[in-house]
PDB file of all heavy atoms in Angstrom:
ATOM      1  N   ASP A   1      88.906 107.225  95.270  1.00  0.00           N
ATOM      2  CA  ASP A   1      87.604 107.723  94.986  1.00  0.00           C
ATOM      3  C   ASP A   1      87.335 108.392  93.634  1.00  0.00           C
ATOM      4  O   ASP A   1      86.381 108.083  92.954  1.00  0.00           O
ATOM      5  CB  ASP A   1      87.124 108.716  96.077  1.00  0.00           C
ATOM      6  CG  ASP A   1      87.075 107.967  97.458  1.00  0.00           C
ATOM      7  OD1 ASP A   1      86.903 106.749  97.470  1.00  0.00           O
ATOM      8  OD2 ASP A   1      87.316 108.701  98.406  1.00  0.00           O
ATOM      9  N   ARG A   2      88.215 109.293  93.264  1.00  0.00           N
ATOM     10  CA  ARG A   2      88.006 110.110  92.113  1.00  0.00           C
ATOM     11  C   ARG A   2      89.187 110.306  91.188  1.00  0.00           C
ATOM     12  O   ARG A   2      89.155 111.185  90.341  1.00  0.00           O
ATOM     13  CB  ARG A   2      87.397 111.450  92.452  1.00  0.00           C
ATOM     14  CG  ARG A   2      88.328 112.158  93.443  1.00  0.00           C
ATOM     15  CD  ARG A   2      87.600 113.414  94.112  1.00  0.00           C
ATOM     16  NE  ARG A   2      88.425 114.195  95.002  1.00  0.00           N
ATOM     17  CZ  ARG A   2      88.622 113.747  96.267  1.00  0.00           C
ATOM     18  NH1 ARG A   2      88.090 112.719  96.732  1.00  0.00           N
ATOM     19  NH2 ARG A   2      89.399 114.477  97.072  1.00  0.00           N
ATOM     20  N   GLY A   3      90.147 109.422  91.313  1.00  0.00           N
ATOM     21  CA  GLY A   3      91.399 109.588  90.508  1.00  0.00           C
ATOM     22  C   GLY A   3      91.239 109.004  89.091  1.00  0.00           C
ATOM     23  O   GLY A   3      90.939 107.796  88.940  1.00  0.00           O
ATOM     24  N   ASP A   4      91.417 109.841  88.043  1.00  0.00           N
ATOM     25  CA  ASP A   4      91.255 109.364  86.676  1.00  0.00           C
ATOM     26  C   ASP A   4      92.356 108.387  86.344  1.00  0.00           C
ATOM     27  O   ASP A   4      92.082 107.344  85.654  1.00  0.00           O
ATOM     28  CB  ASP A   4      91.349 110.556  85.631  1.00  0.00           C
ATOM     29  CG  ASP A   4      90.091 111.462  85.770  1.00  0.00           C
ATOM     30  OD1 ASP A   4      89.074 110.972  86.251  1.00  0.00           O
ATOM     31  OD2 ASP A   4      90.252 112.702  85.483  1.00  0.00           O
ATOM     32  N   TRP A   5      93.528 108.633  86.803  1.00  0.00           N
ATOM     33  CA  TRP A   5      94.783 107.713  86.513  1.00  0.00           C
ATOM     34  C   TRP A   5      94.382 106.355  87.086  1.00  0.00           C
ATOM     35  O   TRP A   5      94.530 105.277  86.395  1.00  0.00           O
ATOM     36  CB  TRP A   5      95.941 108.271  87.208  1.00  0.00           C
ATOM     37  CG  TRP A   5      97.151 107.444  87.173  1.00  0.00           C
ATOM     38  CD1 TRP A   5      97.960 107.160  86.117  1.00  0.00           C
ATOM     39  CD2 TRP A   5      97.635 106.744  88.322  1.00  0.00           C
ATOM     40  NE1 TRP A   5      98.993 106.204  86.608  1.00  0.00           N
ATOM     41  CE2 TRP A   5      98.812 105.966  87.889  1.00  0.00           C
ATOM     42  CE3 TRP A   5      97.274 106.603  89.638  1.00  0.00           C
ATOM     43  CZ2 TRP A   5      99.552 105.183  88.712  1.00  0.00           C
ATOM     44  CZ3 TRP A   5      97.997 105.744  90.431  1.00  0.00           C
ATOM     45  CH2 TRP A   5      99.127 105.035  89.945  1.00  0.00           C
ATOM     46  N   PHE A   6      94.027 106.242  88.319  1.00  0.00           N
ATOM     47  CA  PHE A   6      93.676 104.970  88.946  1.00  0.00           C
ATOM     48  C   PHE A   6      92.481 104.335  88.298  1.00  0.00           C
ATOM     49  O   PHE A   6      92.414 103.132  88.083  1.00  0.00           O
ATOM     50  CB  PHE A   6      93.482 105.125  90.469  1.00  0.00           C
ATOM     51  CG  PHE A   6      93.197 103.872  91.128  1.00  0.00           C
ATOM     52  CD1 PHE A   6      94.244 102.895  91.314  1.00  0.00           C
ATOM     53  CD2 PHE A   6      91.977 103.560  91.712  1.00  0.00           C
ATOM     54  CE1 PHE A   6      93.978 101.713  92.030  1.00  0.00           C
ATOM     55  CE2 PHE A   6      91.780 102.392  92.321  1.00  0.00           C
ATOM     56  CZ  PHE A   6      92.807 101.437  92.544  1.00  0.00           C
ATOM     57  N   ALA A   7      91.477 105.147  88.039  1.00  0.00           N
ATOM     58  CA  ALA A   7      90.236 104.555  87.370  1.00  0.00           C
ATOM     59  C   ALA A   7      90.585 103.968  85.942  1.00  0.00           C
ATOM     60  O   ALA A   7      89.992 102.954  85.596  1.00  0.00           O
ATOM     61  CB  ALA A   7      89.252 105.662  87.246  1.00  0.00           C
ATOM     62  N   GLY A   8      91.470 104.544  85.231  1.00  0.00           N
ATOM     63  CA  GLY A   8      91.880 104.007  83.916  1.00  0.00           C
ATOM     64  C   GLY A   8      92.517 102.651  84.073  1.00  0.00           C
ATOM     65  O   GLY A   8      92.286 101.671  83.261  1.00  0.00           O
ATOM     66  N   ILE A   9      93.458 102.517  84.940  1.00  0.00           N
ATOM     67  CA  ILE A   9      94.104 101.200  85.152  1.00  0.00           C
ATOM     68  C   ILE A   9      93.125 100.191  85.692  1.00  0.00           C
ATOM     69  O   ILE A   9      93.083  99.001  85.287  1.00  0.00           O
ATOM     70  CB  ILE A   9      95.338 101.353  86.097  1.00  0.00           C
ATOM     71  CG1 ILE A   9      96.397 102.230  85.412  1.00  0.00           C
ATOM     72  CG2 ILE A   9      95.930 100.025  86.481  1.00  0.00           C
ATOM     73  CD1 ILE A   9      97.551 102.538  86.238  1.00  0.00           C
ATOM     74  N   ASP A  10      92.304 100.605  86.592  1.00  0.00           N
ATOM     75  CA  ASP A  10      91.252  99.688  87.200  1.00  0.00           C
ATOM     76  C   ASP A  10      90.332  99.148  86.138  1.00  0.00           C
ATOM     77  O   ASP A  10      89.834  98.044  86.091  1.00  0.00           O
ATOM     78  CB  ASP A  10      90.441 100.425  88.280  1.00  0.00           C
ATOM     79  CG  ASP A  10      89.591  99.477  89.104  1.00  0.00           C
ATOM     80  OD1 ASP A  10      89.921  98.451  89.333  1.00  0.00           O
ATOM     81  OD2 ASP A  10      88.437 100.010  89.373  1.00  0.00           O
ATOM     82  N   ALA A  11      89.897 100.121  85.152  1.00  0.00           N
ATOM     83  CA  ALA A  11      89.065  99.668  84.096  1.00  0.00           C
ATOM     84  C   ALA A  11      89.704  98.678  83.203  1.00  0.00           C
ATOM     85  O   ALA A  11      89.026  97.701  82.704  1.00  0.00           O
ATOM     86  CB  ALA A  11      88.640 100.911  83.213  1.00  0.00           C
ATOM     87  N   ARG A  12      91.018  98.687  83.002  1.00  0.00           N
ATOM     88  CA  ARG A  12      91.719  97.747  82.182  1.00  0.00           C
ATOM     89  C   ARG A  12      91.736  96.369  82.823  1.00  0.00           C
ATOM     90  O   ARG A  12      91.873  95.424  82.059  1.00  0.00           O
ATOM     91  CB  ARG A  12      93.143  98.194  81.910  1.00  0.00           C
ATOM     92  CG  ARG A  12      93.262  99.159  80.827  1.00  0.00           C
ATOM     93  CD  ARG A  12      94.536  99.369  80.195  1.00  0.00           C
ATOM     94  NE  ARG A  12      95.115  98.202  79.671  1.00  0.00           N
ATOM     95  CZ  ARG A  12      96.409  98.220  79.190  1.00  0.00           C
ATOM     96  NH1 ARG A  12      97.176  99.320  79.292  1.00  0.00           N
ATOM     97  NH2 ARG A  12      96.954  97.104  78.671  1.00  0.00           N
ATOM     98  N   VAL A  13      91.668  96.289  84.062  1.00  0.00           N
ATOM     99  CA  VAL A  13      91.689  94.970  84.790  1.00  0.00           C
ATOM    100  C   VAL A  13      90.266  94.651  85.178  1.00  0.00           C
ATOM    101  O   VAL A  13      90.107  93.749  86.022  1.00  0.00           O
ATOM    102  CB  VAL A  13      92.684  94.936  85.887  1.00  0.00           C
ATOM    103  CG1 VAL A  13      94.032  95.175  85.472  1.00  0.00           C
ATOM    104  CG2 VAL A  13      92.313  96.003  86.913  1.00  0.00           C
ATOM    105  N   GLY A  14      89.219  95.232  84.673  1.00  0.00           N
ATOM    106  CA  GLY A  14      87.822  94.839  84.982  1.00  0.00           C
ATOM    107  C   GLY A  14      87.307  95.275  86.273  1.00  0.00           C
ATOM    108  O   GLY A  14      86.353  94.629  86.818  1.00  0.00           O
ATOM    109  N   GLY A  15      87.862  96.300  86.880  1.00  0.00           N
ATOM    110  CA  GLY A  15      87.336  96.822  88.113  1.00  0.00           C
ATOM    111  C   GLY A  15      87.757  96.114  89.373  1.00  0.00           C
ATOM    112  O   GLY A  15      87.277  96.291  90.528  1.00  0.00           O
ATOM    113  N   VAL A  16      88.758  95.228  89.198  1.00  0.00           N
ATOM    114  CA  VAL A  16      89.197  94.324  90.337  1.00  0.00           C
ATOM    115  C   VAL A  16      89.866  95.171  91.359  1.00  0.00           C
ATOM    116  O   VAL A  16      89.734  94.864  92.544  1.00  0.00           O
ATOM    117  CB  VAL A  16      90.120  93.248  89.799  1.00  0.00           C
ATOM    118  CG1 VAL A  16      90.727  92.475  90.877  1.00  0.00           C
ATOM    119  CG2 VAL A  16      89.444  92.388  88.822  1.00  0.00           C
ATOM    120  N   LEU A  17      90.648  96.158  91.052  1.00  0.00           N
ATOM    121  CA  LEU A  17      91.457  96.963  92.021  1.00  0.00           C
ATOM    122  C   LEU A  17      90.560  97.716  93.066  1.00  0.00           C
ATOM    123  O   LEU A  17      90.746  97.585  94.199  1.00  0.00           O
ATOM    124  CB  LEU A  17      92.405  97.992  91.299  1.00  0.00           C
ATOM    125  CG  LEU A  17      93.386  97.330  90.394  1.00  0.00           C
ATOM    126  CD1 LEU A  17      94.160  98.426  89.655  1.00  0.00           C
ATOM    127  CD2 LEU A  17      94.267  96.464  91.211  1.00  0.00           C
ATOM    128  N   ARG A  18      89.541  98.407  92.526  1.00  0.00           N
ATOM    129  CA  ARG A  18      88.618  99.153  93.492  1.00  0.00           C
ATOM    130  C   ARG A  18      87.817  98.163  94.297  1.00  0.00           C
ATOM    131  O   ARG A  18      87.610  98.376  95.514  1.00  0.00           O
ATOM    132  CB  ARG A  18      87.708 100.072  92.681  1.00  0.00           C
ATOM    133  CG  ARG A  18      88.371 101.364  92.349  1.00  0.00           C
ATOM    134  CD  ARG A  18      87.386 102.493  92.242  1.00  0.00           C
ATOM    135  NE  ARG A  18      88.177 103.799  92.176  1.00  0.00           N
ATOM    136  CZ  ARG A  18      87.993 104.537  91.062  1.00  0.00           C
ATOM    137  NH1 ARG A  18      87.292 104.279  90.099  1.00  0.00           N
ATOM    138  NH2 ARG A  18      88.731 105.691  91.135  1.00  0.00           N
ATOM    139  N   ARG A  19      87.436  97.056  93.710  1.00  0.00           N
ATOM    140  CA  ARG A  19      86.636  96.101  94.479  1.00  0.00           C
ATOM    141  C   ARG A  19      87.482  95.422  95.548  1.00  0.00           C
ATOM    142  O   ARG A  19      87.085  95.393  96.780  1.00  0.00           O
ATOM    143  CB  ARG A  19      86.024  95.002  93.516  1.00  0.00           C
ATOM    144  CG  ARG A  19      85.141  94.105  94.231  1.00  0.00           C
ATOM    145  CD  ARG A  19      84.425  93.128  93.273  1.00  0.00           C
ATOM    146  NE  ARG A  19      85.373  92.352  92.431  1.00  0.00           N
ATOM    147  CZ  ARG A  19      85.439  92.450  91.112  1.00  0.00           C
ATOM    148  NH1 ARG A  19      84.641  93.258  90.490  1.00  0.00           N
ATOM    149  NH2 ARG A  19      86.271  91.664  90.442  1.00  0.00           N
ATOM    150  N   ALA A  20      88.695  95.035  95.282  1.00  0.00           N
ATOM    151  CA  ALA A  20      89.616  94.539  96.215  1.00  0.00           C
ATOM    152  C   ALA A  20      89.994  95.524  97.319  1.00  0.00           C
ATOM    153  O   ALA A  20      90.051  95.164  98.475  1.00  0.00           O
ATOM    154  CB  ALA A  20      90.885  94.019  95.577  1.00  0.00           C
ATOM    155  N   ALA A  21      90.124  96.822  96.888  1.00  0.00           N
ATOM    156  CA  ALA A  21      90.480  97.798  97.884  1.00  0.00           C
ATOM    157  C   ALA A  21      89.382  97.967  98.879  1.00  0.00           C
ATOM    158  O   ALA A  21      89.597  98.139 100.049  1.00  0.00           O
ATOM    159  CB  ALA A  21      90.817  99.132  97.160  1.00  0.00           C
ATOM    160  N   GLY A  22      88.143  97.935  98.402  1.00  0.00           N
ATOM    161  CA  GLY A  22      86.990  98.044  99.281  1.00  0.00           C
ATOM    162  C   GLY A  22      86.862  96.888 100.172  1.00  0.00           C
ATOM    163  O   GLY A  22      86.611  97.012 101.371  1.00  0.00           O
ATOM    164  N   GLU A  23      87.030  95.649  99.694  1.00  0.00           N
ATOM    165  CA  GLU A  23      86.884  94.435 100.399  1.00  0.00           C
ATOM    166  C   GLU A  23      87.935  94.333 101.470  1.00  0.00           C
ATOM    167  O   GLU A  23      87.713  93.824 102.605  1.00  0.00           O
ATOM    168  CB  GLU A  23      86.863  93.243  99.542  1.00  0.00           C
ATOM    169  CG  GLU A  23      85.639  93.120  98.639  1.00  0.00           C
ATOM    170  CD  GLU A  23      85.719  91.963  97.624  1.00  0.00           C
ATOM    171  OE1 GLU A  23      86.820  91.236  97.587  1.00  0.00           O
ATOM    172  OE2 GLU A  23      84.753  91.752  96.836  1.00  0.00           O
ATOM    173  N   GLU A  24      89.128  94.706 101.155  1.00  0.00           N
ATOM    174  CA  GLU A  24      90.223  94.561 102.104  1.00  0.00           C
ATOM    175  C   GLU A  24      90.463  95.849 102.927  1.00  0.00           C
ATOM    176  O   GLU A  24      91.490  95.930 103.733  1.00  0.00           O
ATOM    177  CB  GLU A  24      91.533  94.223 101.348  1.00  0.00           C
ATOM    178  CG  GLU A  24      91.556  92.985 100.553  1.00  0.00           C
ATOM    179  CD  GLU A  24      91.378  91.683 101.438  1.00  0.00           C
ATOM    180  OE1 GLU A  24      91.931  91.743 102.563  1.00  0.00           O
ATOM    181  OE2 GLU A  24      90.645  90.772 101.102  1.00  0.00           O
ATOM    182  N   ARG A  25      89.611  96.773 102.843  1.00  0.00           N
ATOM    183  CA  ARG A  25      89.713  98.082 103.595  1.00  0.00           C
ATOM    184  C   ARG A  25      91.039  98.759 103.326  1.00  0.00           C
ATOM    185  O   ARG A  25      91.687  99.314 104.297  1.00  0.00           O
ATOM    186  CB  ARG A  25      89.513  97.828 105.063  1.00  0.00           C
ATOM    187  CG  ARG A  25      88.095  97.330 105.403  1.00  0.00           C
ATOM    188  CD  ARG A  25      87.944  97.241 106.902  1.00  0.00           C
ATOM    189  NE  ARG A  25      86.576  96.814 107.120  1.00  0.00           N
ATOM    190  CZ  ARG A  25      86.269  95.682 107.800  1.00  0.00           C
ATOM    191  NH1 ARG A  25      87.176  94.937 108.288  1.00  0.00           N
ATOM    192  NH2 ARG A  25      85.038  95.354 107.999  1.00  0.00           N
ATOM    193  N   PHE A  26      91.478  98.788 102.066  1.00  0.00           N
ATOM    194  CA  PHE A  26      92.740  99.441 101.688  1.00  0.00           C
ATOM    195  C   PHE A  26      92.294 100.998 101.561  1.00  0.00           C
ATOM    196  O   PHE A  26      91.460 101.294 100.777  1.00  0.00           O
ATOM    197  CB  PHE A  26      93.200  98.944 100.366  1.00  0.00           C
ATOM    198  CG  PHE A  26      94.426  99.722  99.921  1.00  0.00           C
ATOM    199  CD1 PHE A  26      95.687  99.469 100.371  1.00  0.00           C
ATOM    200  CD2 PHE A  26      94.319 100.732  98.888  1.00  0.00           C
ATOM    201  CE1 PHE A  26      96.859 100.067  99.900  1.00  0.00           C
ATOM    202  CE2 PHE A  26      95.442 101.432  98.498  1.00  0.00           C
ATOM    203  CZ  PHE A  26      96.716 101.120  99.007  1.00  0.00           C
ATOM    204  N   ARG A  27      92.979 101.858 102.374  1.00  0.00           N
ATOM    205  CA  ARG A  27      92.662 103.246 102.421  1.00  0.00           C
ATOM    206  C   ARG A  27      93.730 104.204 101.893  1.00  0.00           C
ATOM    207  O   ARG A  27      93.684 105.291 102.123  1.00  0.00           O
ATOM    208  CB  ARG A  27      92.174 103.690 103.794  1.00  0.00           C
ATOM    209  CG  ARG A  27      90.970 102.972 104.285  1.00  0.00           C
ATOM    210  CD  ARG A  27      89.709 103.373 103.552  1.00  0.00           C
ATOM    211  NE  ARG A  27      88.596 102.609 104.053  1.00  0.00           N
ATOM    212  CZ  ARG A  27      87.905 101.768 103.195  1.00  0.00           C
ATOM    213  NH1 ARG A  27      88.267 101.582 102.019  1.00  0.00           N
ATOM    214  NH2 ARG A  27      86.905 101.082 103.790  1.00  0.00           N
ATOM    215  N   ALA A  28      94.744 103.556 101.307  1.00  0.00           N
ATOM    216  CA  ALA A  28      95.969 104.285 100.795  1.00  0.00           C
ATOM    217  C   ALA A  28      96.720 105.066 101.877  1.00  0.00           C
ATOM    218  O   ALA A  28      97.245 106.139 101.625  1.00  0.00           O
ATOM    219  CB  ALA A  28      95.561 105.306  99.711  1.00  0.00           C
ATOM    220  N   LYS A  29      96.671 104.601 103.128  1.00  0.00           N
ATOM    221  CA  LYS A  29      97.556 105.151 104.196  1.00  0.00           C
ATOM    222  C   LYS A  29      98.950 104.924 103.777  1.00  0.00           C
ATOM    223  O   LYS A  29      99.321 103.905 103.173  1.00  0.00           O
ATOM    224  CB  LYS A  29      97.111 104.507 105.489  1.00  0.00           C
ATOM    225  CG  LYS A  29      95.713 104.508 105.880  1.00  0.00           C
ATOM    226  CD  LYS A  29      95.492 105.439 107.017  1.00  0.00           C
ATOM    227  CE  LYS A  29      94.078 105.413 107.375  1.00  0.00           C
ATOM    228  NZ  LYS A  29      93.297 106.553 106.941  1.00  0.00           N
ATOM    229  N   LEU A  30      99.736 105.766 104.280  1.00  0.00           N
ATOM    230  CA  LEU A  30     101.222 105.714 103.960  1.00  0.00           C
ATOM    231  C   LEU A  30     101.865 104.428 104.198  1.00  0.00           C
ATOM    232  O   LEU A  30     101.763 103.976 105.398  1.00  0.00           O
ATOM    233  CB  LEU A  30     102.001 106.851 104.649  1.00  0.00           C
ATOM    234  CG  LEU A  30     103.498 106.936 104.338  1.00  0.00           C
ATOM    235  CD1 LEU A  30     103.734 107.215 102.932  1.00  0.00           C
ATOM    236  CD2 LEU A  30     104.112 108.050 105.194  1.00  0.00           C
ATOM    237  N   GLY A  31     102.370 103.737 103.225  1.00  0.00           N
ATOM    238  CA  GLY A  31     102.990 102.433 103.359  1.00  0.00           C
ATOM    239  C   GLY A  31     102.140 101.262 103.399  1.00  0.00           C
ATOM    240  O   GLY A  31     102.555 100.113 103.352  1.00  0.00           O
ATOM    241  N   GLN A  32     100.754 101.458 103.408  1.00  0.00           N
ATOM    242  CA  GLN A  32      99.846 100.325 103.386  1.00  0.00           C
ATOM    243  C   GLN A  32      99.807  99.614 102.034  1.00  0.00           C
ATOM    244  O   GLN A  32     100.005 100.246 100.999  1.00  0.00           O
ATOM    245  CB  GLN A  32      98.437 100.892 103.700  1.00  0.00           C
ATOM    246  CG  GLN A  32      97.394  99.798 103.732  1.00  0.00           C
ATOM    247  CD  GLN A  32      95.930 100.438 103.972  1.00  0.00           C
ATOM    248  OE1 GLN A  32      95.729 101.581 103.825  1.00  0.00           O
ATOM    249  NE2 GLN A  32      94.976  99.498 104.329  1.00  0.00           N
ATOM    250  N   THR A  33      99.845  98.341 102.015  1.00  0.00           N
ATOM    251  CA  THR A  33      99.924  97.637 100.818  1.00  0.00           C
ATOM    252  C   THR A  33      98.807  96.626 100.611  1.00  0.00           C
ATOM    253  O   THR A  33      98.143  96.148 101.507  1.00  0.00           O
ATOM    254  CB  THR A  33     101.222  96.790 100.711  1.00  0.00           C
ATOM    255  OG1 THR A  33     101.277  95.834 101.802  1.00  0.00           O
ATOM    256  CG2 THR A  33     102.428  97.736 100.765  1.00  0.00           C
ATOM    257  N   LEU A  34      98.558  96.298  99.330  1.00  0.00           N
ATOM    258  CA  LEU A  34      97.575  95.324  98.923  1.00  0.00           C
ATOM    259  C   LEU A  34      97.962  94.659  97.593  1.00  0.00           C
ATOM    260  O   LEU A  34      98.305  95.363  96.723  1.00  0.00           O
ATOM    261  CB  LEU A  34      96.173  95.956  98.769  1.00  0.00           C
ATOM    262  CG  LEU A  34      95.013  95.188  98.181  1.00  0.00           C
ATOM    263  CD1 LEU A  34      94.640  94.053  99.167  1.00  0.00           C
ATOM    264  CD2 LEU A  34      93.865  96.046  97.838  1.00  0.00           C
ATOM    265  N   ILE A  35      97.992  93.383  97.568  1.00  0.00           N
ATOM    266  CA  ILE A  35      98.345  92.678  96.293  1.00  0.00           C
ATOM    267  C   ILE A  35      97.148  91.997  95.701  1.00  0.00           C
ATOM    268  O   ILE A  35      96.332  91.349  96.389  1.00  0.00           O
ATOM    269  CB  ILE A  35      99.383  91.634  96.642  1.00  0.00           C
ATOM    270  CG1 ILE A  35     100.608  92.227  97.174  1.00  0.00           C
ATOM    271  CG2 ILE A  35      99.800  90.807  95.319  1.00  0.00           C
ATOM    272  CD1 ILE A  35     101.728  91.231  97.707  1.00  0.00           C
ATOM    273  N   VAL A  36      96.940  92.225  94.353  1.00  0.00           N
ATOM    274  CA  VAL A  36      95.735  91.725  93.659  1.00  0.00           C
ATOM    275  C   VAL A  36      96.289  90.988  92.447  1.00  0.00           C
ATOM    276  O   VAL A  36      97.141  91.444  91.727  1.00  0.00           O
ATOM    277  CB  VAL A  36      94.816  92.899  93.306  1.00  0.00           C
ATOM    278  CG1 VAL A  36      93.575  92.373  92.492  1.00  0.00           C
ATOM    279  CG2 VAL A  36      94.459  93.798  94.526  1.00  0.00           C
ATOM    280  N   HIS A  37      95.713  89.783  92.168  1.00  0.00           N
ATOM    281  CA  HIS A  37      95.950  89.105  90.960  1.00  0.00           C
ATOM    282  C   HIS A  37      94.984  89.573  89.884  1.00  0.00           C
ATOM    283  O   HIS A  37      93.768  89.632  90.202  1.00  0.00           O
ATOM    284  CB  HIS A  37      95.919  87.542  91.257  1.00  0.00           C
ATOM    285  CG  HIS A  37      96.907  87.091  92.068  1.00  0.00           C
ATOM    286  ND1 HIS A  37      98.154  86.563  91.583  1.00  0.00           N
ATOM    287  CD2 HIS A  37      97.033  86.940  93.384  1.00  0.00           C
ATOM    288  CE1 HIS A  37      98.859  86.104  92.580  1.00  0.00           C
ATOM    289  NE2 HIS A  37      98.293  86.329  93.670  1.00  0.00           N
TER     290      HIS A  37
END
């Protein structure tokens, strides 16, 4: 939601990471994984 580190990497890939995390219901629970091209 508010991490600058994650937001910086997400910005470099065009916002794909946050969008995919929302669509796939990735909530960063311990050990949960999501792969994005």
